[in-house]
């Protein structure tokens, strides 16, 4: 399947900070939920304080937490080599829930030894509890980190639409600005599209390559997804040509096929040719036809 045909989860969901926050929130949420729900459960054997079952409770909690940590560390370590779709992410999280449910079932059958329920009934009863303990905080954490990511705004501005006391010439072309803002809404970088060369993905960051007032090639790094740039600048001269690159069509000098692949050469000799993958070649060619 060609790149881009599947919908992959945002990279920020597999960052260290987000995974750590998700596990921490899930653990706290689970403790609170279990403390409230245990009195209403007919097969819960969790106990706190000086009790025979306290040791088993602590052991179960420790193993469950270890499962989550190992799972999230694996997810983090494989983030650059194993792309994950939304379905894959959901299946991964569901496997954690099922594994911990199986662990609880084994503990219950072995330790509590209830006489009125068999292992299958205990499993499905525990599955509901585990899904609430982990599924709910996973969903809440995902929504929270999505909101945080969206606050890293990238905006496209048409300077002819800005209120000013100057009277622009009627023949003047619109001046588009590539603007970067931090989480507090503070402007960090504003580059005219005429000076912007390309945007490059670098792990969980982007690098903006542009020319300064003296014409020297500069770069600016910002924590952001390339997908956000692509969506924010839809309809502009910026176009996605590769998983890692977005180029400014104003700066394209040559598009040529080298062997089995296409390459874009920009009008700056200091910039190496940028590859174009099969996923994006039709969009690039269509942009050329419209120019």
C-alpha atoms as a PDB file:
ATOM      1  CA  UNK A   1       0.000   0.000   0.000  1.00  0.00           C
ATOM      2  CA  UNK A   2       1.332   3.410  -0.926  1.00  0.00           C
ATOM      3  CA  UNK A   3       2.366   5.892   1.727  1.00  0.00           C
ATOM      4  CA  UNK A   4      -0.485   8.149   2.814  1.00  0.00           C
ATOM      5  CA  UNK A   5      -3.195   5.582   1.867  1.00  0.00           C
ATOM      6  CA  UNK A   6      -3.639   4.754   5.534  1.00  0.00           C
ATOM      7  CA  UNK A   7      -4.364   7.219   8.300  1.00  0.00           C
ATOM      8  CA  UNK A   8      -1.598   7.121  10.857  1.00  0.00           C
ATOM      9  CA  UNK A   9      -1.934   8.475  14.376  1.00  0.00           C
ATOM     10  CA  UNK A  10      -0.265  11.832  15.137  1.00  0.00           C
ATOM     11  CA  UNK A  11       3.351  11.375  16.179  1.00  0.00           C
ATOM     12  CA  UNK A  12       2.795  13.298  19.438  1.00  0.00           C
ATOM     13  CA  UNK A  13       0.721  10.404  20.813  1.00  0.00           C
ATOM     14  CA  UNK A  14       3.902   8.306  20.884  1.00  0.00           C
ATOM     15  CA  UNK A  15       6.201  10.892  22.434  1.00  0.00           C
ATOM     16  CA  UNK A  16       7.787  10.184  25.807  1.00  0.00           C
ATOM     17  CA  UNK A  17       5.959  12.979  27.624  1.00  0.00           C
ATOM     18  CA  UNK A  18       2.526  11.954  26.326  1.00  0.00           C
ATOM     19  CA  UNK A  19       3.036   8.245  27.054  1.00  0.00           C
ATOM     20  CA  UNK A  20       4.295   8.961  30.562  1.00  0.00           C
ATOM     21  CA  UNK A  21       1.370  11.275  31.216  1.00  0.00           C
ATOM     22  CA  UNK A  22      -1.106   8.697  29.875  1.00  0.00           C
ATOM     23  CA  UNK A  23       0.225   5.900  32.116  1.00  0.00           C
ATOM     24  CA  UNK A  24       0.276   8.179  35.182  1.00  0.00           C
ATOM     25  CA  UNK A  25      -3.257   9.425  34.593  1.00  0.00           C
ATOM     26  CA  UNK A  26      -4.535   5.886  33.907  1.00  0.00           C
ATOM     27  CA  UNK A  27      -2.959   4.599  37.136  1.00  0.00           C
ATOM     28  CA  UNK A  28      -4.489   7.369  39.272  1.00  0.00           C
ATOM     29  CA  UNK A  29      -7.858   7.049  37.568  1.00  0.00           C
ATOM     30  CA  UNK A  30      -7.850   3.262  38.106  1.00  0.00           C
ATOM     31  CA  UNK A  31      -7.094   3.560  41.808  1.00  0.00           C
ATOM     32  CA  UNK A  32      -9.895   6.089  42.305  1.00  0.00           C
ATOM     33  CA  UNK A  33     -12.377   4.065  40.256  1.00  0.00           C
ATOM     34  CA  UNK A  34     -11.587   0.802  42.055  1.00  0.00           C
ATOM     35  CA  UNK A  35     -11.875   2.384  45.487  1.00  0.00           C
ATOM     36  CA  UNK A  36     -15.353   3.573  44.575  1.00  0.00           C
ATOM     37  CA  UNK A  37     -16.504   0.413  42.781  1.00  0.00           C
ATOM     38  CA  UNK A  38     -15.023  -2.420  44.904  1.00  0.00           C
ATOM     39  CA  UNK A  39     -17.845  -2.349  47.511  1.00  0.00           C
ATOM     40  CA  UNK A  40     -20.320  -3.058  44.687  1.00  0.00           C
ATOM     41  CA  UNK A  41     -18.353  -5.911  43.123  1.00  0.00           C
ATOM     42  CA  UNK A  42     -19.083  -9.528  44.059  1.00  0.00           C
ATOM     43  CA  UNK A  43     -15.693 -10.937  43.022  1.00  0.00           C
ATOM     44  CA  UNK A  44     -13.209  -8.181  43.857  1.00  0.00           C
ATOM     45  CA  UNK A  45     -10.589  -9.297  46.357  1.00  0.00           C
ATOM     46  CA  UNK A  46      -8.524  -6.071  46.536  1.00  0.00           C
ATOM     47  CA  UNK A  47      -7.694  -5.035  50.067  1.00  0.00           C
ATOM     48  CA  UNK A  48      -5.715  -2.212  51.652  1.00  0.00           C
ATOM     49  CA  UNK A  49      -4.063  -2.117  55.057  1.00  0.00           C
ATOM     50  CA  UNK A  50      -3.273  -5.099  57.258  1.00  0.00           C
ATOM     51  CA  UNK A  51      -4.945  -7.908  55.326  1.00  0.00           C
ATOM     52  CA  UNK A  52      -4.041 -11.285  53.850  1.00  0.00           C
ATOM     53  CA  UNK A  53      -5.032 -10.030  50.411  1.00  0.00           C
ATOM     54  CA  UNK A  54      -3.046  -6.796  50.657  1.00  0.00           C
ATOM     55  CA  UNK A  55       0.145  -8.496  49.420  1.00  0.00           C
ATOM     56  CA  UNK A  56      -1.709  -9.961  46.440  1.00  0.00           C
ATOM     57  CA  UNK A  57      -3.277  -6.566  45.747  1.00  0.00           C
ATOM     58  CA  UNK A  58       0.142  -4.893  45.718  1.00  0.00           C
ATOM     59  CA  UNK A  59       1.583  -7.683  43.528  1.00  0.00           C
ATOM     60  CA  UNK A  60      -1.248  -7.430  41.005  1.00  0.00           C
ATOM     61  CA  UNK A  61      -0.963  -3.641  40.867  1.00  0.00           C
ATOM     62  CA  UNK A  62       2.819  -3.848  40.382  1.00  0.00           C
ATOM     63  CA  UNK A  63       2.574  -6.395  37.557  1.00  0.00           C
ATOM     64  CA  UNK A  64      -0.203  -4.425  35.846  1.00  0.00           C
ATOM     65  CA  UNK A  65       1.816  -1.213  36.029  1.00  0.00           C
ATOM     66  CA  UNK A  66       4.867  -3.058  34.672  1.00  0.00           C
ATOM     67  CA  UNK A  67       2.795  -4.305  31.727  1.00  0.00           C
ATOM     68  CA  UNK A  68       1.702  -0.757  30.899  1.00  0.00           C
ATOM     69  CA  UNK A  69       5.228   0.635  31.221  1.00  0.00           C
ATOM     70  CA  UNK A  70       6.769  -2.074  29.029  1.00  0.00           C
ATOM     71  CA  UNK A  71       4.004  -1.611  26.475  1.00  0.00           C
ATOM     72  CA  UNK A  72       4.391   2.185  26.312  1.00  0.00           C
ATOM     73  CA  UNK A  73       8.196   2.009  26.226  1.00  0.00           C
ATOM     74  CA  UNK A  74       7.940  -0.421  23.296  1.00  0.00           C
ATOM     75  CA  UNK A  75       5.509   1.926  21.583  1.00  0.00           C
ATOM     76  CA  UNK A  76       7.931   4.820  22.091  1.00  0.00           C
ATOM     77  CA  UNK A  77      11.046   2.910  20.979  1.00  0.00           C
ATOM     78  CA  UNK A  78       9.385   1.751  17.747  1.00  0.00           C
ATOM     79  CA  UNK A  79       7.825   5.109  16.831  1.00  0.00           C
ATOM     80  CA  UNK A  80      10.321   5.802  14.027  1.00  0.00           C
ATOM     81  CA  UNK A  81      10.398   2.310  12.524  1.00  0.00           C
ATOM     82  CA  UNK A  82       6.820   1.123  12.975  1.00  0.00           C
ATOM     83  CA  UNK A  83       4.139   3.556  11.750  1.00  0.00           C
ATOM     84  CA  UNK A  84       0.870   3.013  13.580  1.00  0.00           C
ATOM     85  CA  UNK A  85      -2.633   3.516  12.207  1.00  0.00           C
ATOM     86  CA  UNK A  86      -5.602   4.490  14.353  1.00  0.00           C
ATOM     87  CA  UNK A  87      -6.841   0.904  14.221  1.00  0.00           C
ATOM     88  CA  UNK A  88      -3.389  -0.349  15.174  1.00  0.00           C
ATOM     89  CA  UNK A  89      -3.229   2.065  18.104  1.00  0.00           C
ATOM     90  CA  UNK A  90      -6.673   0.980  19.295  1.00  0.00           C
ATOM     91  CA  UNK A  91      -5.694  -2.691  18.988  1.00  0.00           C
ATOM     92  CA  UNK A  92      -2.489  -2.048  20.939  1.00  0.00           C
ATOM     93  CA  UNK A  93      -4.380  -0.388  23.798  1.00  0.00           C
ATOM     94  CA  UNK A  94      -7.050  -3.088  23.743  1.00  0.00           C
ATOM     95  CA  UNK A  95      -4.361  -5.763  24.023  1.00  0.00           C
ATOM     96  CA  UNK A  96      -3.129  -4.077  27.221  1.00  0.00           C
ATOM     97  CA  UNK A  97      -6.666  -4.178  28.614  1.00  0.00           C
ATOM     98  CA  UNK A  98      -7.141  -7.846  27.713  1.00  0.00           C
ATOM     99  CA  UNK A  99      -3.745  -8.839  29.125  1.00  0.00           C
ATOM    100  CA  UNK A 100      -4.420  -7.172  32.479  1.00  0.00           C
ATOM    101  CA  UNK A 101      -7.915  -8.709  32.527  1.00  0.00           C
ATOM    102  CA  UNK A 102      -6.390 -12.156  32.026  1.00  0.00           C
ATOM    103  CA  UNK A 103      -3.957 -11.426  34.859  1.00  0.00           C
ATOM    104  CA  UNK A 104      -6.829 -10.435  37.164  1.00  0.00           C
ATOM    105  CA  UNK A 105      -8.764 -13.565  36.218  1.00  0.00           C
ATOM    106  CA  UNK A 106      -5.782 -15.783  37.078  1.00  0.00           C
ATOM    107  CA  UNK A 107      -5.339 -14.038  40.434  1.00  0.00           C
ATOM    108  CA  UNK A 108      -9.051 -14.339  41.219  1.00  0.00           C
ATOM    109  CA  UNK A 109      -9.367 -18.028  40.322  1.00  0.00           C
ATOM    110  CA  UNK A 110      -6.105 -18.924  42.077  1.00  0.00           C
ATOM    111  CA  UNK A 111      -6.351 -16.751  45.191  1.00  0.00           C
ATOM    112  CA  UNK A 112      -9.954 -15.792  45.854  1.00  0.00           C
ATOM    113  CA  UNK A 113     -11.346 -19.082  44.498  1.00  0.00           C
ATOM    114  CA  UNK A 114     -14.982 -17.963  44.174  1.00  0.00           C
ATOM    115  CA  UNK A 115     -17.434 -20.841  44.187  1.00  0.00           C
ATOM    116  CA  UNK A 116     -20.342 -19.109  42.458  1.00  0.00           C
ATOM    117  CA  UNK A 117     -18.520 -18.020  39.257  1.00  0.00           C
ATOM    118  CA  UNK A 118     -16.305 -19.741  36.709  1.00  0.00           C
ATOM    119  CA  UNK A 119     -13.230 -18.287  35.046  1.00  0.00           C
ATOM    120  CA  UNK A 120     -15.063 -17.144  31.892  1.00  0.00           C
ATOM    121  CA  UNK A 121     -17.661 -15.193  33.858  1.00  0.00           C
ATOM    122  CA  UNK A 122     -14.957 -13.619  35.988  1.00  0.00           C
ATOM    123  CA  UNK A 123     -13.003 -12.635  32.853  1.00  0.00           C
ATOM    124  CA  UNK A 124     -15.896 -10.822  31.176  1.00  0.00           C
ATOM    125  CA  UNK A 125     -16.913  -9.141  34.411  1.00  0.00           C
ATOM    126  CA  UNK A 126     -13.341  -7.944  34.952  1.00  0.00           C
ATOM    127  CA  UNK A 127     -13.040  -6.880  31.301  1.00  0.00           C
ATOM    128  CA  UNK A 128     -15.691  -4.219  31.865  1.00  0.00           C
ATOM    129  CA  UNK A 129     -13.859  -2.876  34.906  1.00  0.00           C
ATOM    130  CA  UNK A 130     -10.475  -2.899  33.160  1.00  0.00           C
ATOM    131  CA  UNK A 131     -11.883  -1.180  30.092  1.00  0.00           C
ATOM    132  CA  UNK A 132     -13.233   1.625  32.272  1.00  0.00           C
ATOM    133  CA  UNK A 133      -9.994   1.842  34.283  1.00  0.00           C
ATOM    134  CA  UNK A 134      -7.790   2.127  31.173  1.00  0.00           C
ATOM    135  CA  UNK A 135     -10.012   2.924  28.192  1.00  0.00           C
ATOM    136  CA  UNK A 136     -11.596   6.031  29.695  1.00  0.00           C
ATOM    137  CA  UNK A 137      -8.304   7.677  30.780  1.00  0.00           C
ATOM    138  CA  UNK A 138      -6.736   6.749  27.410  1.00  0.00           C
ATOM    139  CA  UNK A 139      -9.523   8.587  25.604  1.00  0.00           C
ATOM    140  CA  UNK A 140      -9.361  11.601  27.932  1.00  0.00           C
ATOM    141  CA  UNK A 141      -5.560  11.778  27.681  1.00  0.00           C
ATOM    142  CA  UNK A 142      -5.701  11.544  23.880  1.00  0.00           C
ATOM    143  CA  UNK A 143      -8.200  14.404  23.690  1.00  0.00           C
ATOM    144  CA  UNK A 144      -6.111  16.492  26.085  1.00  0.00           C
ATOM    145  CA  UNK A 145      -2.877  16.071  24.118  1.00  0.00           C
ATOM    146  CA  UNK A 146      -4.723  16.779  20.868  1.00  0.00           C
ATOM    147  CA  UNK A 147      -5.863  20.133  22.265  1.00  0.00           C
ATOM    148  CA  UNK A 148      -2.313  20.884  23.416  1.00  0.00           C
ATOM    149  CA  UNK A 149      -0.953  20.089  19.956  1.00  0.00           C
ATOM    150  CA  UNK A 150      -3.532  22.269  18.216  1.00  0.00           C
ATOM    151  CA  UNK A 151      -2.406  25.243  20.293  1.00  0.00           C
ATOM    152  CA  UNK A 152       0.899  25.164  18.419  1.00  0.00           C
ATOM    153  CA  UNK A 153      -0.590  27.275  15.679  1.00  0.00           C
ATOM    154  CA  UNK A 154       0.760  27.797  12.218  1.00  0.00           C
ATOM    155  CA  UNK A 155      -1.082  30.396  10.217  1.00  0.00           C
ATOM    156  CA  UNK A 156      -1.113  31.629   6.647  1.00  0.00           C
ATOM    157  CA  UNK A 157      -1.677  35.363   6.325  1.00  0.00           C
ATOM    158  CA  UNK A 158      -2.526  37.394   3.232  1.00  0.00           C
ATOM    159  CA  UNK A 159      -1.137  40.854   3.895  1.00  0.00           C
ATOM    160  CA  UNK A 160      -3.675  42.457   1.527  1.00  0.00           C
ATOM    161  CA  UNK A 161      -6.375  41.395   3.969  1.00  0.00           C
ATOM    162  CA  UNK A 162      -4.709  43.110   6.936  1.00  0.00           C
ATOM    163  CA  UNK A 163      -6.136  46.483   8.003  1.00  0.00           C
ATOM    164  CA  UNK A 164      -3.481  49.169   7.520  1.00  0.00           C
ATOM    165  CA  UNK A 165      -3.162  52.898   7.011  1.00  0.00           C
ATOM    166  CA  UNK A 166      -1.158  52.307   3.829  1.00  0.00           C
ATOM    167  CA  UNK A 167      -2.803  52.180   0.420  1.00  0.00           C
ATOM    168  CA  UNK A 168      -1.317  49.271  -1.517  1.00  0.00           C
ATOM    169  CA  UNK A 169      -0.901  49.554  -5.253  1.00  0.00           C
ATOM    170  CA  UNK A 170      -3.788  48.032  -7.152  1.00  0.00           C
ATOM    171  CA  UNK A 171      -1.409  45.905  -9.170  1.00  0.00           C
ATOM    172  CA  UNK A 172       0.517  44.669  -6.169  1.00  0.00           C
ATOM    173  CA  UNK A 173       0.400  40.891  -5.749  1.00  0.00           C
ATOM    174  CA  UNK A 174      -0.770  39.441  -2.446  1.00  0.00           C
ATOM    175  CA  UNK A 175       2.045  38.957   0.040  1.00  0.00           C
ATOM    176  CA  UNK A 176       1.695  35.686   1.854  1.00  0.00           C
ATOM    177  CA  UNK A 177       3.356  35.207   5.213  1.00  0.00           C
ATOM    178  CA  UNK A 178       4.400  31.936   6.786  1.00  0.00           C
ATOM    179  CA  UNK A 179       3.964  32.640  10.500  1.00  0.00           C
ATOM    180  CA  UNK A 180       4.927  30.517  13.488  1.00  0.00           C
ATOM    181  CA  UNK A 181       3.442  31.039  16.966  1.00  0.00           C
ATOM    182  CA  UNK A 182       4.341  29.369  20.247  1.00  0.00           C
ATOM    183  CA  UNK A 183       1.841  27.897  22.729  1.00  0.00           C
ATOM    184  CA  UNK A 184       1.245  31.338  24.257  1.00  0.00           C
ATOM    185  CA  UNK A 185       0.338  32.864  20.910  1.00  0.00           C
ATOM    186  CA  UNK A 186       3.628  34.779  20.682  1.00  0.00           C
ATOM    187  CA  UNK A 187       4.901  35.294  17.151  1.00  0.00           C
ATOM    188  CA  UNK A 188       8.225  33.468  16.780  1.00  0.00           C
ATOM    189  CA  UNK A 189       8.888  33.686  13.025  1.00  0.00           C
ATOM    190  CA  UNK A 190       7.291  35.404  10.050  1.00  0.00           C
ATOM    191  CA  UNK A 191       8.649  34.636   6.593  1.00  0.00           C
ATOM    192  CA  UNK A 192       7.401  35.874   3.253  1.00  0.00           C
ATOM    193  CA  UNK A 193       6.487  32.995   0.978  1.00  0.00           C
ATOM    194  CA  UNK A 194       8.871  34.514  -1.569  1.00  0.00           C
ATOM    195  CA  UNK A 195      11.762  33.772   0.809  1.00  0.00           C
ATOM    196  CA  UNK A 196      10.626  30.351   1.992  1.00  0.00           C
ATOM    197  CA  UNK A 197      12.281  27.313   0.371  1.00  0.00           C
ATOM    198  CA  UNK A 198      10.951  24.219   2.099  1.00  0.00           C
ATOM    199  CA  UNK A 199       9.844  22.672   5.379  1.00  0.00           C
ATOM    200  CA  UNK A 200      11.465  19.486   6.644  1.00  0.00           C
ATOM    201  CA  UNK A 201      10.202  17.006   9.252  1.00  0.00           C
ATOM    202  CA  UNK A 202      12.738  16.156  11.961  1.00  0.00           C
ATOM    203  CA  UNK A 203      11.275  13.609  14.369  1.00  0.00           C
ATOM    204  CA  UNK A 204       8.619  15.574  16.316  1.00  0.00           C
ATOM    205  CA  UNK A 205       9.835  18.932  15.005  1.00  0.00           C
ATOM    206  CA  UNK A 206       9.894  20.789  11.721  1.00  0.00           C
ATOM    207  CA  UNK A 207      12.733  22.785  10.176  1.00  0.00           C
ATOM    208  CA  UNK A 208      11.815  25.833   8.141  1.00  0.00           C
ATOM    209  CA  UNK A 209      14.447  26.674   5.513  1.00  0.00           C
ATOM    210  CA  UNK A 210      14.313  30.261   4.269  1.00  0.00           C
ATOM    211  CA  UNK A 211      16.422  33.186   3.032  1.00  0.00           C
ATOM    212  CA  UNK A 212      17.071  36.153   5.328  1.00  0.00           C
ATOM    213  CA  UNK A 213      17.252  39.802   4.246  1.00  0.00           C
ATOM    214  CA  UNK A 214      20.803  39.288   2.983  1.00  0.00           C
ATOM    215  CA  UNK A 215      19.775  36.221   0.975  1.00  0.00           C
ATOM    216  CA  UNK A 216      21.637  33.796   3.252  1.00  0.00           C
ATOM    217  CA  UNK A 217      20.030  30.407   3.854  1.00  0.00           C
ATOM    218  CA  UNK A 218      18.660  30.072   7.385  1.00  0.00           C
ATOM    219  CA  UNK A 219      16.722  27.430   9.316  1.00  0.00           C
ATOM    220  CA  UNK A 220      14.237  27.651  12.163  1.00  0.00           C
ATOM    221  CA  UNK A 221      13.092  24.675  14.241  1.00  0.00           C
ATOM    222  CA  UNK A 222       9.667  24.347  15.819  1.00  0.00           C
ATOM    223  CA  UNK A 223       7.928  21.513  17.650  1.00  0.00           C
ATOM    224  CA  UNK A 224       5.152  20.681  15.232  1.00  0.00           C
ATOM    225  CA  UNK A 225       3.887  17.995  12.861  1.00  0.00           C
ATOM    226  CA  UNK A 226       4.439  18.285   9.115  1.00  0.00           C
ATOM    227  CA  UNK A 227       0.803  17.260   8.663  1.00  0.00           C
ATOM    228  CA  UNK A 228      -0.238  20.410  10.520  1.00  0.00           C
ATOM    229  CA  UNK A 229       1.784  22.515   8.081  1.00  0.00           C
ATOM    230  CA  UNK A 230       0.227  20.703   5.124  1.00  0.00           C
ATOM    231  CA  UNK A 231      -3.299  21.268   6.389  1.00  0.00           C
ATOM    232  CA  UNK A 232      -2.700  24.888   7.453  1.00  0.00           C
ATOM    233  CA  UNK A 233      -1.290  25.872   4.071  1.00  0.00           C
ATOM    234  CA  UNK A 234      -3.682  23.998   1.809  1.00  0.00           C
ATOM    235  CA  UNK A 235      -4.267  26.021  -1.350  1.00  0.00           C
ATOM    236  CA  UNK A 236      -1.007  27.977  -1.072  1.00  0.00           C
ATOM    237  CA  UNK A 237       2.260  27.523  -2.980  1.00  0.00           C
ATOM    238  CA  UNK A 238       3.453  25.065  -0.346  1.00  0.00           C
ATOM    239  CA  UNK A 239       2.951  21.453  -1.411  1.00  0.00           C
ATOM    240  CA  UNK A 240       3.788  18.090   0.139  1.00  0.00           C
ATOM    241  CA  UNK A 241       6.191  16.061  -2.005  1.00  0.00           C
ATOM    242  CA  UNK A 242       7.507  13.503   0.476  1.00  0.00           C
ATOM    243  CA  UNK A 243       6.871  12.073   3.922  1.00  0.00           C
ATOM    244  CA  UNK A 244       9.530  14.462   5.238  1.00  0.00           C
ATOM    245  CA  UNK A 245       9.275  17.467   2.910  1.00  0.00           C
ATOM    246  CA  UNK A 246       6.984  20.312   1.889  1.00  0.00           C
ATOM    247  CA  UNK A 247       8.367  22.605  -0.809  1.00  0.00           C
ATOM    248  CA  UNK A 248       7.504  26.114  -1.947  1.00  0.00           C
ATOM    249  CA  UNK A 249       6.568  25.895  -5.629  1.00  0.00           C
ATOM    250  CA  UNK A 250       7.776  29.473  -6.131  1.00  0.00           C
ATOM    251  CA  UNK A 251      11.286  28.239  -5.452  1.00  0.00           C
ATOM    252  CA  UNK A 252      11.220  25.143  -7.671  1.00  0.00           C
ATOM    253  CA  UNK A 253      13.719  25.373 -10.511  1.00  0.00           C
ATOM    254  CA  UNK A 254      13.589  21.865 -11.991  1.00  0.00           C
ATOM    255  CA  UNK A 255      11.473  18.753 -11.568  1.00  0.00           C
ATOM    256  CA  UNK A 256      13.153  15.766 -13.144  1.00  0.00           C
ATOM    257  CA  UNK A 257      13.040  11.995 -13.076  1.00  0.00           C
ATOM    258  CA  UNK A 258      16.261  10.395 -11.895  1.00  0.00           C
ATOM    259  CA  UNK A 259      16.089   6.662 -12.430  1.00  0.00           C
ATOM    260  CA  UNK A 260      12.843   5.433 -10.918  1.00  0.00           C
ATOM    261  CA  UNK A 261      12.276   8.488  -8.703  1.00  0.00           C
ATOM    262  CA  UNK A 262      11.525  12.174  -9.167  1.00  0.00           C
ATOM    263  CA  UNK A 263      13.589  14.979  -7.679  1.00  0.00           C
ATOM    264  CA  UNK A 264      12.951  18.679  -7.173  1.00  0.00           C
ATOM    265  CA  UNK A 265      15.784  21.163  -7.520  1.00  0.00           C
ATOM    266  CA  UNK A 266      15.235  24.524  -5.827  1.00  0.00           C
ATOM    267  CA  UNK A 267      16.787  27.803  -6.989  1.00  0.00           C
ATOM    268  CA  UNK A 268      19.501  27.674  -4.334  1.00  0.00           C
ATOM    269  CA  UNK A 269      22.653  25.661  -4.991  1.00  0.00           C
ATOM    270  CA  UNK A 270      23.213  25.141  -1.278  1.00  0.00           C
ATOM    271  CA  UNK A 271      20.068  22.980  -1.096  1.00  0.00           C
ATOM    272  CA  UNK A 272      20.369  19.363  -2.194  1.00  0.00           C
ATOM    273  CA  UNK A 273      17.683  17.960  -4.527  1.00  0.00           C
ATOM    274  CA  UNK A 274      14.511  16.973  -2.680  1.00  0.00           C
ATOM    275  CA  UNK A 275      12.909  13.599  -3.502  1.00  0.00           C
ATOM    276  CA  UNK A 276       9.297  13.233  -4.614  1.00  0.00           C
ATOM    277  CA  UNK A 277       7.559   9.964  -3.726  1.00  0.00           C
ATOM    278  CA  UNK A 278       4.863   8.205  -5.755  1.00  0.00           C
ATOM    279  CA  UNK A 279       2.249   9.173  -3.190  1.00  0.00           C
ATOM    280  CA  UNK A 280       2.659  12.885  -3.926  1.00  0.00           C
ATOM    281  CA  UNK A 281       3.936  13.052  -7.522  1.00  0.00           C
ATOM    282  CA  UNK A 282       0.484  13.573  -9.069  1.00  0.00           C
ATOM    283  CA  UNK A 283      -0.215  16.527  -6.758  1.00  0.00           C
ATOM    284  CA  UNK A 284       3.154  18.050  -7.617  1.00  0.00           C
ATOM    285  CA  UNK A 285       2.608  17.594 -11.369  1.00  0.00           C
ATOM    286  CA  UNK A 286      -0.879  19.082 -11.093  1.00  0.00           C
ATOM    287  CA  UNK A 287       0.614  22.120  -9.344  1.00  0.00           C
ATOM    288  CA  UNK A 288       3.098  22.509 -12.202  1.00  0.00           C
ATOM    289  CA  UNK A 289       0.298  22.411 -14.771  1.00  0.00           C
ATOM    290  CA  UNK A 290      -1.573  25.204 -13.014  1.00  0.00           C
ATOM    291  CA  UNK A 291       1.450  27.525 -12.849  1.00  0.00           C
END
